[in-house]
Amino acid sequence: MTMSADIQHIVRPVVTRFAPSPTGRLHIGHAWSALMAMDMARTGGGVLRLRIEDIDGVRSRPEHVAGIIEDLRWLGVEWDGEVMFQSARLALYDAALDRLKADGLVYPCFCTRAEIAAEIAASGSAPHGSGGPLYPGTCRLLSDQERAERIDAHEPHCWRLDMARAVARAGPLSWQDMDRGTITAHPERAGDVILARKDAPTSYHLAATVDDAEMGITHVLRGDDLLSATDIHRLLQALLGLPSPLYRHHLLLADAQGKRLAKRTGGIALADLREQGVNPAHLREDLRAERFPVGIRLLSA
């Protein structure tokens, strides 16, 4: 998918966003995605919002926030309005989770990772999703009394979506991808996903869904590694009575060994390119034409 291609199905004005997590410096893949988001907004006569997804209190760092803003300004990505921080919006996520609790669609999970792994290994036939074995539903079977007692005892727990109940409540769902057309949602393939973590008051799925609706996002552009996550977000939109934006999932960039670029595994950082004296205008032109640095290539769909 080239950035120069005609953008179809746009309802003007477009409101889109670039939403990095401050767990490291931006790399060339982030730059490509941010430029696509800005171009989508400008072509659609709308706005681009910058959202910092800093709900991970362990890995999110203030210096990475400053680095993200510095990198985007150097690249020439211009966003509209103030930068939004998820860490300042926890009350919104709590309210959404409380609504799902009231509807009986979530349950507390006290399992540790080791316990889950042991149960999956013992079962020998645990269902699998795109990310591997699914949670076997151990805590879904607990009684209300046992749940209450363990919560009152301050036992660490996350909150999981009861996927079977949620899917039954929502009924058949679909969402619109700007390149792929109508996509039938199959959130059940993800199993009982976590909506609030033990170490964080929310999760990516819940926070992103709530924020996109509250911010009035009409178009979501992100990597196709999140294609299956969109099924989960569509389900949450239905359960919470939220609108569903249009989506576009772009290909990812990989290194010479075919490994997807990621903050935790390095990649060509924008900060490094700046120190090397790279002209940001030339870099923008190259990225829009899908001319990537040596050793960087598109992953096939």
Protein backbone atom coordinates (compact mmCIF):
# COMPACT_ATOMS: atom_id res chain seq x y z
CA MET A 1 0.00 0.00 0.00
CA THR A 2 1.58 3.27 -1.07
CA MET A 3 0.90 6.54 0.63
CA SER A 4 0.28 8.21 -2.72
CA ALA A 5 -2.68 5.94 -3.47
CA ASP A 6 -6.13 7.48 -3.44
CA ILE A 7 -7.69 7.37 0.01
CA GLN A 8 -11.13 5.87 -0.40
CA HIS A 9 -14.26 5.86 1.75
CA ILE A 10 -13.25 9.00 3.63
CA VAL A 11 -16.02 10.90 5.35
CA ARG A 12 -14.85 14.48 5.79
CA PRO A 13 -13.53 15.81 8.02
CA VAL A 14 -11.15 13.03 9.01
CA VAL A 15 -10.01 12.76 12.61
CA THR A 16 -7.16 10.31 13.00
CA ARG A 17 -4.31 9.75 15.42
CA PHE A 18 -0.76 8.61 15.88
CA ALA A 19 -0.51 6.76 19.18
CA PRO A 20 2.98 5.57 20.19
CA SER A 21 3.89 4.11 23.56
CA PRO A 22 6.84 5.81 25.32
CA THR A 23 8.88 2.66 25.84
CA GLY A 24 11.73 3.60 23.50
CA ARG A 25 12.73 5.90 20.65
CA LEU A 26 10.84 5.95 17.37
CA HIS A 27 12.28 3.97 14.47
CA ILE A 28 11.82 4.21 10.73
CA GLY A 29 8.62 2.16 10.84
CA HIS A 30 7.03 4.62 13.25
CA ALA A 31 8.06 7.46 10.95
CA TRP A 32 6.37 5.81 7.98
CA SER A 33 3.17 5.21 9.95
CA ALA A 34 3.11 8.73 11.40
CA LEU A 35 3.49 10.26 7.94
CA MET A 36 0.67 8.11 6.60
CA ALA A 37 -1.56 9.23 9.44
CA MET A 38 -0.73 12.90 8.84
CA ASP A 39 -1.33 12.55 5.10
CA MET A 40 -4.64 10.80 5.71
CA ALA A 41 -5.74 13.68 7.93
CA ARG A 42 -4.64 16.40 5.54
CA THR A 43 -6.06 14.67 2.45
CA GLY A 44 -9.35 14.24 4.28
CA GLY A 45 -9.49 17.87 5.33
CA GLY A 46 -9.25 16.91 8.97
CA VAL A 47 -6.94 16.70 11.93
CA LEU A 48 -4.24 14.48 13.36
CA ARG A 49 -4.10 13.91 17.09
CA LEU A 50 -1.05 12.72 19.02
CA ARG A 51 -1.83 10.25 21.80
CA ILE A 52 0.85 8.94 24.12
CA GLU A 53 -0.16 5.47 25.30
CA ASP A 54 1.67 5.53 28.62
CA ILE A 55 -0.41 3.14 30.72
CA ASP A 56 2.58 0.85 31.27
CA GLY A 57 4.00 2.33 34.45
CA VAL A 58 7.06 0.07 34.33
CA ARG A 59 8.28 0.59 30.76
CA SER A 60 6.94 4.07 30.00
CA ARG A 61 9.58 6.75 30.59
CA PRO A 62 9.37 10.57 30.54
CA GLU A 63 12.55 10.74 28.48
CA HIS A 64 10.92 8.58 25.82
CA VAL A 65 7.95 10.97 25.69
CA ALA A 66 10.33 13.86 25.09
CA GLY A 67 12.16 11.78 22.49
CA ILE A 68 8.97 10.96 20.60
CA ILE A 69 7.97 14.61 20.39
CA GLU A 70 11.50 15.61 19.36
CA ASP A 71 11.60 12.93 16.66
CA LEU A 72 8.19 13.84 15.22
CA ARG A 73 8.99 17.55 15.10
CA TRP A 74 12.30 16.84 13.35
CA LEU A 75 10.55 14.61 10.84
CA GLY A 76 7.97 17.30 10.12
CA VAL A 77 4.90 15.52 11.47
CA GLU A 78 2.43 18.18 12.60
CA TRP A 79 -0.40 17.22 14.93
CA ASP A 80 -3.40 19.25 16.02
CA GLY A 81 -4.26 20.26 19.56
CA GLU A 82 -2.51 19.25 22.74
CA VAL A 83 -0.76 15.94 23.20
CA MET A 84 -3.08 13.48 24.96
CA PHE A 85 -1.72 11.16 27.66
CA GLN A 86 -3.57 7.98 28.58
CA SER A 87 -2.18 8.18 32.11
CA ALA A 88 -4.37 11.25 32.63
CA ARG A 89 -7.54 9.44 31.53
CA LEU A 90 -7.72 6.49 33.89
CA ALA A 91 -11.16 7.51 35.18
CA LEU A 92 -12.59 6.97 31.69
CA TYR A 93 -11.24 3.44 31.54
CA ASP A 94 -12.47 2.69 35.06
CA ALA A 95 -15.97 3.81 34.07
CA ALA A 96 -15.96 1.58 31.00
CA LEU A 97 -14.75 -1.41 33.03
CA ASP A 98 -17.39 -0.74 35.69
CA ARG A 99 -20.07 -0.82 33.00
CA LEU A 100 -18.85 -4.20 31.79
CA LYS A 101 -18.75 -5.45 35.39
CA ALA A 102 -22.34 -4.33 35.92
CA ASP A 103 -23.35 -6.23 32.79
CA GLY A 104 -21.66 -9.39 34.05
CA LEU A 105 -19.26 -9.49 31.12
CA VAL A 106 -15.92 -9.49 32.96
CA TYR A 107 -14.47 -11.53 35.79
CA PRO A 108 -11.42 -11.26 38.07
CA CYS A 109 -8.54 -13.58 37.22
CA PHE A 110 -6.06 -14.47 39.96
CA CYS A 111 -3.89 -16.83 37.90
CA THR A 112 -0.17 -16.21 37.55
CA ARG A 113 1.58 -16.76 34.24
CA ALA A 114 3.20 -19.88 35.66
CA GLU A 115 -0.15 -21.29 36.72
CA ILE A 116 -1.66 -20.63 33.31
CA ALA A 117 1.30 -22.25 31.55
CA ALA A 118 1.07 -25.30 33.82
CA GLU A 119 -2.63 -25.73 33.20
CA ILE A 120 -2.22 -25.39 29.44
CA ALA A 121 0.59 -27.95 29.51
CA ALA A 122 -1.49 -30.33 31.60
CA SER A 123 -4.52 -30.04 29.32
CA GLY A 124 -2.61 -31.12 26.24
CA SER A 125 -5.28 -29.63 23.98
CA ALA A 126 -5.64 -25.96 24.89
CA PRO A 127 -7.29 -23.83 22.19
CA HIS A 128 -4.94 -21.55 20.28
CA GLY A 129 -5.33 -18.05 18.91
CA SER A 130 -3.05 -15.98 16.68
CA GLY A 131 -0.76 -15.30 19.65
CA GLY A 132 -0.52 -18.87 20.91
CA PRO A 133 -2.48 -20.86 23.52
CA LEU A 134 -5.54 -19.13 24.91
CA TYR A 135 -6.31 -18.64 28.57
CA PRO A 136 -8.11 -21.83 29.70
CA GLY A 137 -10.78 -20.00 31.67
CA THR A 138 -9.78 -21.23 35.13
CA CYS A 139 -11.08 -18.23 37.09
CA ARG A 140 -14.22 -17.99 34.98
CA LEU A 141 -15.47 -21.00 36.97
CA LEU A 142 -15.03 -19.42 40.40
CA SER A 143 -18.13 -18.65 42.44
CA ASP A 144 -19.09 -15.07 43.19
CA GLN A 145 -18.34 -15.70 46.86
CA GLU A 146 -14.82 -16.96 46.19
CA ARG A 147 -14.13 -14.02 43.88
CA ALA A 148 -15.31 -11.55 46.50
CA GLU A 149 -13.28 -13.20 49.27
CA ARG A 150 -10.08 -13.20 47.22
CA ILE A 151 -10.57 -9.57 46.18
CA ASP A 152 -11.26 -8.59 49.81
CA ALA A 153 -8.02 -10.35 50.74
CA HIS A 154 -6.22 -8.06 48.25
CA GLU A 155 -5.07 -10.97 46.13
CA PRO A 156 -3.53 -9.61 42.90
CA HIS A 157 -5.85 -10.01 39.95
CA CYS A 158 -6.59 -8.76 36.47
CA TRP A 159 -10.00 -8.45 34.83
CA ARG A 160 -10.82 -10.62 31.83
CA LEU A 161 -13.62 -10.35 29.33
CA ASP A 162 -15.96 -13.33 29.44
CA MET A 163 -15.72 -13.77 25.68
CA ALA A 164 -18.55 -16.27 25.28
CA ARG A 165 -20.99 -14.02 27.14
CA ALA A 166 -19.75 -10.91 25.38
CA VAL A 167 -20.11 -12.41 21.90
CA ALA A 168 -23.58 -13.70 22.75
CA ARG A 169 -24.57 -10.24 23.99
CA ALA A 170 -23.21 -8.38 20.97
CA GLY A 171 -24.31 -10.78 18.23
CA PRO A 172 -22.67 -10.90 14.77
CA LEU A 173 -20.29 -7.99 14.14
CA SER A 174 -18.25 -6.57 11.29
CA TRP A 175 -16.03 -3.57 10.69
CA GLN A 176 -14.76 -1.62 7.70
CA ASP A 177 -11.18 -1.71 6.47
CA MET A 178 -10.36 0.91 3.86
CA ASP A 179 -8.31 -1.55 1.80
CA ARG A 180 -9.93 -4.90 2.59
CA GLY A 181 -13.59 -3.87 2.70
CA THR A 182 -16.06 -5.39 5.16
CA ILE A 183 -14.41 -7.67 7.70
CA THR A 184 -16.46 -10.14 9.72
CA ALA A 185 -15.31 -9.93 13.32
CA HIS A 186 -14.27 -13.10 15.16
CA PRO A 187 -13.22 -11.82 18.61
CA GLU A 188 -13.80 -15.27 20.09
CA ARG A 189 -10.51 -16.34 18.52
CA ALA A 190 -8.70 -14.24 21.13
CA GLY A 191 -10.27 -15.96 24.12
CA ASP A 192 -10.93 -14.21 27.42
CA VAL A 193 -8.69 -11.18 26.86
CA ILE A 194 -7.42 -9.01 29.70
CA LEU A 195 -9.10 -5.60 30.00
CA ALA A 196 -7.35 -4.42 33.19
CA ARG A 197 -3.96 -5.79 34.14
CA LYS A 198 -2.51 -6.62 37.53
CA ASP A 199 0.23 -4.04 37.04
CA ALA A 200 -1.87 -1.41 35.24
CA PRO A 201 -5.43 -0.12 35.72
CA THR A 202 -6.39 -0.85 32.12
CA SER A 203 -5.17 -2.59 28.96
CA TYR A 204 -4.38 -1.60 25.42
CA HIS A 205 -7.67 -3.01 24.14
CA LEU A 206 -9.90 -1.12 26.54
CA ALA A 207 -7.95 2.14 26.61
CA ALA A 208 -7.56 2.42 22.84
CA THR A 209 -11.23 1.66 22.24
CA VAL A 210 -12.45 4.19 24.79
CA ASP A 211 -10.00 6.87 23.65
CA ASP A 212 -10.80 6.54 19.96
CA ALA A 213 -14.48 7.10 20.72
CA GLU A 214 -13.97 9.91 23.25
CA MET A 215 -11.54 11.72 20.93
CA GLY A 216 -13.95 11.48 18.00
CA ILE A 217 -11.55 9.43 15.88
CA THR A 218 -13.13 8.65 12.52
CA HIS A 219 -10.19 6.80 10.93
CA VAL A 220 -7.67 4.51 12.60
CA LEU A 221 -4.43 3.78 10.79
CA ARG A 222 -2.10 1.19 12.31
CA GLY A 223 0.06 -1.82 11.45
CA ASP A 224 -1.46 -5.07 10.30
CA ASP A 225 -0.04 -6.78 13.39
CA LEU A 226 -3.13 -5.28 15.06
CA LEU A 227 -5.58 -6.64 12.51
CA SER A 228 -6.93 -9.30 14.87
CA ALA A 229 -7.08 -6.78 17.73
CA THR A 230 -9.62 -4.81 15.73
CA ASP A 231 -12.09 -7.66 16.17
CA ILE A 232 -11.76 -7.23 19.94
CA HIS A 233 -12.14 -3.46 19.67
CA ARG A 234 -15.25 -3.85 17.53
CA LEU A 235 -16.74 -6.09 20.20
CA LEU A 236 -15.96 -3.58 22.95
CA GLN A 237 -17.50 -0.82 20.85
CA ALA A 238 -20.71 -2.83 20.59
CA LEU A 239 -20.79 -3.65 24.30
CA LEU A 240 -20.13 -0.05 25.36
CA GLY A 241 -22.33 1.62 22.73
CA LEU A 242 -19.40 3.33 21.01
CA PRO A 243 -19.04 4.23 17.31
CA SER A 244 -16.80 2.18 15.05
CA PRO A 245 -14.31 4.18 12.94
CA LEU A 246 -12.95 3.19 9.57
CA TYR A 247 -9.68 1.27 9.73
CA ARG A 248 -6.59 0.94 7.57
CA HIS A 249 -3.92 -1.63 8.46
CA HIS A 250 -0.61 -1.05 6.73
CA LEU A 251 2.22 -3.50 6.18
CA LEU A 252 5.10 -3.64 8.65
CA LEU A 253 8.79 -3.03 8.08
CA ALA A 254 11.43 -5.68 8.69
CA ASP A 255 15.21 -5.79 8.91
CA ALA A 256 17.53 -7.67 6.57
CA GLN A 257 16.83 -10.91 8.45
CA GLY A 258 13.09 -10.48 8.01
CA LYS A 259 12.50 -9.62 11.67
CA ARG A 260 9.83 -7.02 12.32
CA LEU A 261 11.12 -3.66 13.53
CA ALA A 262 10.26 -2.97 17.15
CA LYS A 263 11.48 -0.65 19.89
CA ARG A 264 12.68 -3.54 22.03
CA THR A 265 14.71 -5.09 19.19
CA GLY A 266 16.24 -1.91 17.84
CA GLY A 267 15.89 -0.79 14.25
CA ILE A 268 16.90 2.43 12.57
CA ALA A 269 16.06 5.08 15.16
CA LEU A 270 15.09 8.55 13.99
CA ALA A 271 17.45 10.00 16.59
CA ASP A 272 20.34 8.17 14.91
CA LEU A 273 19.35 9.45 11.49
CA ARG A 274 19.20 12.99 12.83
CA GLU A 275 22.68 12.65 14.33
CA GLN A 276 23.93 11.35 10.98
CA GLY A 277 22.75 14.56 9.31
CA VAL A 278 19.91 13.02 7.32
CA ASN A 279 17.70 15.67 5.70
CA PRO A 280 14.16 15.15 7.11
CA ALA A 281 12.55 16.51 3.93
CA HIS A 282 14.39 13.91 1.87
CA LEU A 283 13.43 11.21 4.37
CA ARG A 284 9.76 12.19 4.14
CA GLU A 285 9.93 12.01 0.35
CA ASP A 286 11.59 8.60 0.45
CA LEU A 287 9.12 7.14 2.94
CA ARG A 288 6.13 8.40 1.00
CA ALA A 289 7.56 6.66 -2.07
CA GLU A 290 8.31 3.52 0.00
CA ARG A 291 12.04 3.90 -0.52
CA PHE A 292 13.42 2.57 2.74
CA PRO A 293 17.00 2.60 4.06
CA VAL A 294 19.28 -0.23 3.02
CA GLY A 295 18.37 -3.43 4.84
CA ILE A 296 14.79 -2.35 5.55
CA ARG A 297 11.92 -3.88 3.61
CA LEU A 298 8.18 -4.40 3.73
CA LEU A 299 6.89 -7.60 5.24
CA SER A 300 4.57 -9.37 2.82
CA ALA A 301 0.90 -9.49 3.74
